[in-house]
C-alpha atoms as a PDB file:
ATOM      1  CA  LYS A   1      93.481 118.351 106.943  1.00  0.00           C
ATOM      2  CA  ARG A   2      93.702 116.615 103.570  1.00  0.00           C
ATOM      3  CA  MET A   3      97.101 115.787 102.143  1.00  0.00           C
ATOM      4  CA  ILE A   4      98.243 117.585  99.007  1.00  0.00           C
ATOM      5  CA  VAL A   5      98.533 115.123  96.113  1.00  0.00           C
ATOM      6  CA  VAL A   6      99.940 115.746  92.617  1.00  0.00           C
ATOM      7  CA  SER A   7      99.473 113.324  89.717  1.00  0.00           C
ATOM      8  CA  ASP A   8     101.300 112.583  86.500  1.00  0.00           C
ATOM      9  CA  THR A   9      99.368 111.441  83.423  1.00  0.00           C
ATOM     10  CA  THR A  10      99.672 107.644  83.564  1.00  0.00           C
ATOM     11  CA  PRO A  11      97.870 106.937  86.875  1.00  0.00           C
ATOM     12  CA  LEU A  12      94.940 109.068  85.675  1.00  0.00           C
ATOM     13  CA  ILE A  13      94.730 107.252  82.333  1.00  0.00           C
ATOM     14  CA  SER A  14      94.986 103.899  84.116  1.00  0.00           C
ATOM     15  CA  LEU A  15      92.112 104.745  86.457  1.00  0.00           C
ATOM     16  CA  LEU A  16      90.032 106.164  83.593  1.00  0.00           C
ATOM     17  CA  LYS A  17      90.536 102.923  81.607  1.00  0.00           C
ATOM     18  CA  ILE A  18      88.882 100.899  84.381  1.00  0.00           C
ATOM     19  CA  ASP A  19      86.363 103.641  85.227  1.00  0.00           C
ATOM     20  CA  ARG A  20      87.731 104.113  88.748  1.00  0.00           C
ATOM     21  CA  LEU A  21      88.929 107.728  88.720  1.00  0.00           C
ATOM     22  CA  TYR A  22      86.630 108.339  91.708  1.00  0.00           C
ATOM     23  CA  LEU A  23      89.044 106.326  93.885  1.00  0.00           C
ATOM     24  CA  LEU A  24      91.353 109.361  93.939  1.00  0.00           C
ATOM     25  CA  GLU A  25      88.628 111.495  95.511  1.00  0.00           C
ATOM     26  CA  LYS A  26      87.781 108.772  98.060  1.00  0.00           C
ATOM     27  CA  LEU A  27      91.438 108.347  99.007  1.00  0.00           C
ATOM     28  CA  PHE A  28      92.790 111.891  98.780  1.00  0.00           C
ATOM     29  CA  GLY A  29      89.966 114.423  98.386  1.00  0.00           C
ATOM     30  CA  SER A  30      91.405 116.512  95.595  1.00  0.00           C
ATOM     31  CA  VAL A  31      94.326 115.922  93.254  1.00  0.00           C
ATOM     32  CA  TYR A  32      96.422 118.584  91.556  1.00  0.00           C
ATOM     33  CA  ILE A  33      97.697 118.119  88.031  1.00  0.00           C
ATOM     34  CA  PRO A  34     100.074 120.388  86.146  1.00  0.00           C
ATOM     35  CA  GLN A  35      98.831 122.169  83.023  1.00  0.00           C
ATOM     36  CA  GLY A  36     101.057 119.934  80.842  1.00  0.00           C
ATOM     37  CA  VAL A  37      99.427 116.785  82.236  1.00  0.00           C
ATOM     38  CA  PHE A  38      95.977 118.275  81.649  1.00  0.00           C
ATOM     39  CA  ASP A  39      96.963 119.162  78.063  1.00  0.00           C
ATOM     40  CA  GLU A  40      98.363 115.656  77.516  1.00  0.00           C
ATOM     41  CA  LEU A  41      95.109 114.140  78.811  1.00  0.00           C
ATOM     42  CA  THR A  42      92.807 116.398  76.814  1.00  0.00           C
ATOM     43  CA  SER A  43      94.597 117.088  73.528  1.00  0.00           C
ATOM     44  CA  ASN A  44      94.551 113.615  71.950  1.00  0.00           C
ATOM     45  CA  SER A  45      91.376 113.243  69.878  1.00  0.00           C
ATOM     46  CA  ALA A  46      91.561 109.461  70.349  1.00  0.00           C
ATOM     47  CA  TYR A  47      90.785 110.050  74.028  1.00  0.00           C
ATOM     48  CA  SER A  48      87.998 112.611  73.764  1.00  0.00           C
ATOM     49  CA  ASP A  49      85.804 110.692  76.254  1.00  0.00           C
ATOM     50  CA  GLU A  50      88.623 110.638  78.822  1.00  0.00           C
ATOM     51  CA  ALA A  51      89.307 114.317  78.089  1.00  0.00           C
ATOM     52  CA  ALA A  52      85.698 115.211  78.827  1.00  0.00           C
ATOM     53  CA  ARG A  53      85.762 113.219  82.079  1.00  0.00           C
ATOM     54  CA  ILE A  54      88.989 114.871  83.260  1.00  0.00           C
ATOM     55  CA  SER A  55      87.776 118.347  82.258  1.00  0.00           C
ATOM     56  CA  SER A  56      84.538 117.965  84.201  1.00  0.00           C
ATOM     57  CA  CYS A  57      86.066 116.216  87.211  1.00  0.00           C
ATOM     58  CA  PRO A  58      85.381 118.349  90.300  1.00  0.00           C
ATOM     59  CA  PHE A  59      88.242 116.958  92.420  1.00  0.00           C
ATOM     60  CA  ILE A  60      91.009 117.424  89.833  1.00  0.00           C
ATOM     61  CA  GLN A  61      92.575 120.858  89.967  1.00  0.00           C
ATOM     62  CA  VAL A  62      94.866 122.118  87.208  1.00  0.00           C
ATOM     63  CA  LYS A  63      97.844 124.233  88.293  1.00  0.00           C
ATOM     64  CA  GLN A  64     100.485 126.119  86.326  1.00  0.00           C
ATOM     65  CA  THR A  65     104.111 125.318  87.065  1.00  0.00           C
ATOM     66  CA  ASP A  66     107.153 127.524  86.615  1.00  0.00           C
ATOM     67  CA  ARG A  67     108.146 126.885  82.971  1.00  0.00           C
ATOM     68  CA  ASN A  68     111.802 127.701  83.617  1.00  0.00           C
ATOM     69  CA  SER A  69     112.070 125.213  86.484  1.00  0.00           C
ATOM     70  CA  VAL A  70     110.350 122.566  84.379  1.00  0.00           C
ATOM     71  CA  SER A  71     112.610 122.938  81.347  1.00  0.00           C
ATOM     72  CA  GLN A  72     115.744 122.965  83.540  1.00  0.00           C
ATOM     73  CA  PHE A  73     114.487 119.851  85.333  1.00  0.00           C
ATOM     74  CA  GLN A  74     113.711 118.148  82.005  1.00  0.00           C
ATOM     75  CA  ASP A  75     117.186 118.967  80.691  1.00  0.00           C
ATOM     76  CA  ARG A  76     118.785 117.539  83.827  1.00  0.00           C
ATOM     77  CA  THR A  77     116.704 114.347  84.054  1.00  0.00           C
ATOM     78  CA  GLY A  78     115.497 113.520  80.536  1.00  0.00           C
ATOM     79  CA  LEU A  79     111.975 112.919  81.861  1.00  0.00           C
ATOM     80  CA  ASP A  80     108.977 113.822  79.707  1.00  0.00           C
ATOM     81  CA  LEU A  81     107.038 117.061  80.172  1.00  0.00           C
ATOM     82  CA  GLY A  82     104.209 115.592  82.270  1.00  0.00           C
ATOM     83  CA  GLU A  83     106.555 113.763  84.650  1.00  0.00           C
ATOM     84  CA  SER A  84     108.804 116.811  84.964  1.00  0.00           C
ATOM     85  CA  GLU A  85     105.874 119.140  85.625  1.00  0.00           C
ATOM     86  CA  ALA A  86     104.388 116.730  88.187  1.00  0.00           C
ATOM     87  CA  ILE A  87     107.664 116.593  90.139  1.00  0.00           C
ATOM     88  CA  VAL A  88     108.199 120.370  89.922  1.00  0.00           C
ATOM     89  CA  LEU A  89     104.566 120.995  91.008  1.00  0.00           C
ATOM     90  CA  THR A  90     105.018 118.587  93.930  1.00  0.00           C
ATOM     91  CA  ASN A  91     107.901 120.762  95.113  1.00  0.00           C
ATOM     92  CA  GLU A  92     106.071 124.042  94.441  1.00  0.00           C
ATOM     93  CA  LEU A  93     102.991 122.941  96.418  1.00  0.00           C
ATOM     94  CA  HIS A  94     105.015 121.080  99.065  1.00  0.00           C
ATOM     95  CA  ALA A  95     102.767 118.130  98.256  1.00  0.00           C
ATOM     96  CA  GLU A  96     102.961 115.052 100.468  1.00  0.00           C
ATOM     97  CA  LEU A  97     102.394 112.572  97.638  1.00  0.00           C
ATOM     98  CA  THR A  98     103.137 112.243  93.917  1.00  0.00           C
ATOM     99  CA  LEU A  99     101.211 109.758  91.764  1.00  0.00           C
ATOM    100  CA  ILE A 100     103.604 108.492  89.104  1.00  0.00           C
ATOM    101  CA  ASP A 101     103.966 105.167  87.271  1.00  0.00           C
ATOM    102  CA  LYS A 102     106.951 105.106  84.943  1.00  0.00           C
ATOM    103  CA  ARG A 103     109.999 103.473  86.490  1.00  0.00           C
ATOM    104  CA  ASN A 104     112.610 106.127  85.576  1.00  0.00           C
ATOM    105  CA  ALA A 105     110.372 108.946  86.854  1.00  0.00           C
ATOM    106  CA  ARG A 106     109.710 107.004  90.078  1.00  0.00           C
ATOM    107  CA  THR A 107     113.442 106.502  90.596  1.00  0.00           C
ATOM    108  CA  ILE A 108     114.190 110.209  90.152  1.00  0.00           C
ATOM    109  CA  ALA A 109     111.268 111.239  92.393  1.00  0.00           C
ATOM    110  CA  LYS A 110     112.525 108.881  95.130  1.00  0.00           C
ATOM    111  CA  GLN A 111     116.066 110.247  94.779  1.00  0.00           C
ATOM    112  CA  LEU A 112     114.599 113.712  95.381  1.00  0.00           C
ATOM    113  CA  GLY A 113     112.988 112.420  98.582  1.00  0.00           C
ATOM    114  CA  LEU A 114     109.415 112.516  97.287  1.00  0.00           C
ATOM    115  CA  THR A 115     106.773 110.099  98.506  1.00  0.00           C
ATOM    116  CA  ILE A 116     105.357 108.342  95.474  1.00  0.00           C
ATOM    117  CA  MET A 117     102.504 106.021  94.686  1.00  0.00           C
ATOM    118  CA  GLY A 118     101.644 104.370  91.391  1.00  0.00           C
ATOM    119  CA  THR A 119      98.453 102.840  90.022  1.00  0.00           C
ATOM    120  CA  VAL A 120      99.174  99.482  91.663  1.00  0.00           C
ATOM    121  CA  ASP A 121      99.727 101.219  95.023  1.00  0.00           C
ATOM    122  CA  ILE A 122      96.423 103.092  94.600  1.00  0.00           C
ATOM    123  CA  TRP A 123      94.661  99.747  94.054  1.00  0.00           C
ATOM    124  CA  GLY A 124      96.364  98.291  97.124  1.00  0.00           C
ATOM    125  CA  LEU A 125      95.367 101.234  99.322  1.00  0.00           C
ATOM    126  CA  SER A 126      91.819 101.046  97.917  1.00  0.00           C
ATOM    127  CA  VAL A 127      91.612  97.360  98.881  1.00  0.00           C
ATOM    128  CA  ARG A 128      92.928  98.070 102.392  1.00  0.00           C
ATOM    129  CA  LYS A 129      90.352 100.893 102.791  1.00  0.00           C
ATOM    130  CA  GLY A 130      87.542  98.641 101.521  1.00  0.00           C
ATOM    131  CA  PHE A 131      86.872 100.549  98.264  1.00  0.00           C
ATOM    132  CA  LEU A 132      87.975  97.579  96.086  1.00  0.00           C
ATOM    133  CA  THR A 133      88.241  93.825  96.513  1.00  0.00           C
ATOM    134  CA  THR A 134      91.205  91.644  95.559  1.00  0.00           C
ATOM    135  CA  ASP A 135      88.959  90.174  92.839  1.00  0.00           C
ATOM    136  CA  ASP A 136      88.482  93.700  91.442  1.00  0.00           C
ATOM    137  CA  VAL A 137      92.252  94.105  91.296  1.00  0.00           C
ATOM    138  CA  ARG A 138      92.748  90.735  89.583  1.00  0.00           C
ATOM    139  CA  HIS A 139      90.153  91.840  87.019  1.00  0.00           C
ATOM    140  CA  TYR A 140      91.963  95.175  86.423  1.00  0.00           C
ATOM    141  CA  ILE A 141      95.258  93.326  85.958  1.00  0.00           C
ATOM    142  CA  THR A 142      93.589  91.199  83.267  1.00  0.00           C
ATOM    143  CA  ILE A 143      92.192  94.303  81.554  1.00  0.00           C
ATOM    144  CA  PHE A 144      95.639  95.929  81.603  1.00  0.00           C
ATOM    145  CA  LYS A 145      97.316  92.865  80.103  1.00  0.00           C
ATOM    146  CA  GLU A 146      94.643  92.586  77.390  1.00  0.00           C
ATOM    147  CA  ASN A 147      95.233  96.245  76.505  1.00  0.00           C
ATOM    148  CA  ASN A 148      99.033  95.882  76.515  1.00  0.00           C
ATOM    149  CA  ARG A 149      99.276  98.335  79.408  1.00  0.00           C
ATOM    150  CA  HIS A 150     102.533  97.357  81.006  1.00  0.00           C
ATOM    151  CA  ILE A 151     102.733  97.259  84.753  1.00  0.00           C
ATOM    152  CA  ASP A 152     105.647  95.549  86.424  1.00  0.00           C
ATOM    153  CA  GLU A 153     104.939  91.847  87.218  1.00  0.00           C
ATOM    154  CA  LEU A 154     106.778  92.151  90.527  1.00  0.00           C
ATOM    155  CA  LEU A 155     104.504  95.048  91.549  1.00  0.00           C
ATOM    156  CA  PHE A 156     101.458  92.895  90.725  1.00  0.00           C
ATOM    157  CA  ARG A 157     102.727  89.962  92.761  1.00  0.00           C
ATOM    158  CA  ASN A 158     103.630  92.190  95.707  1.00  0.00           C
ATOM    159  CA  LEU A 159     100.204  93.831  95.546  1.00  0.00           C
ATOM    160  CA  LEU A 160      98.332  90.524  95.516  1.00  0.00           C
ATOM    161  CA  GLU A 161     100.449  89.252  98.392  1.00  0.00           C
ATOM    162  CA  SER A 162      99.978  92.436 100.418  1.00  0.00           C
ATOM    163  CA  VAL A 163      96.174  92.463 100.141  1.00  0.00           C
END
């Protein structure tokens, strides 16, 4: 039985940027995303290529969340729509894993007892499973820095030490 996995926007964008979205399918089978995350990924005309790739991705499944629950959760936590929907959808689906990158959203998800994984964790798991090499990861880190995509330095160091 495959685990149920829900993703927020940032891990998907991060994997799209390095053309490694397929890692999610290799690691988890399918990934659920809330409608708000899908809209965020597909509505920006600057990312029309990414939008097309997400829209045609067979292992990403878009799910509606309860709007009331989401807006109440947003009011309580101050998280953005995508993060709030991802956490609410995780609860609705009883998902085993939530893919989420931003520190404040990770903190809240952990406080709620959710199991979380960010982009760096996905790379680490991919190295351990043999889908990526440590050199691949070093290369992605360089790409992220060149594109001003901030990922915590400590997470990078821990990742490189762990693999």
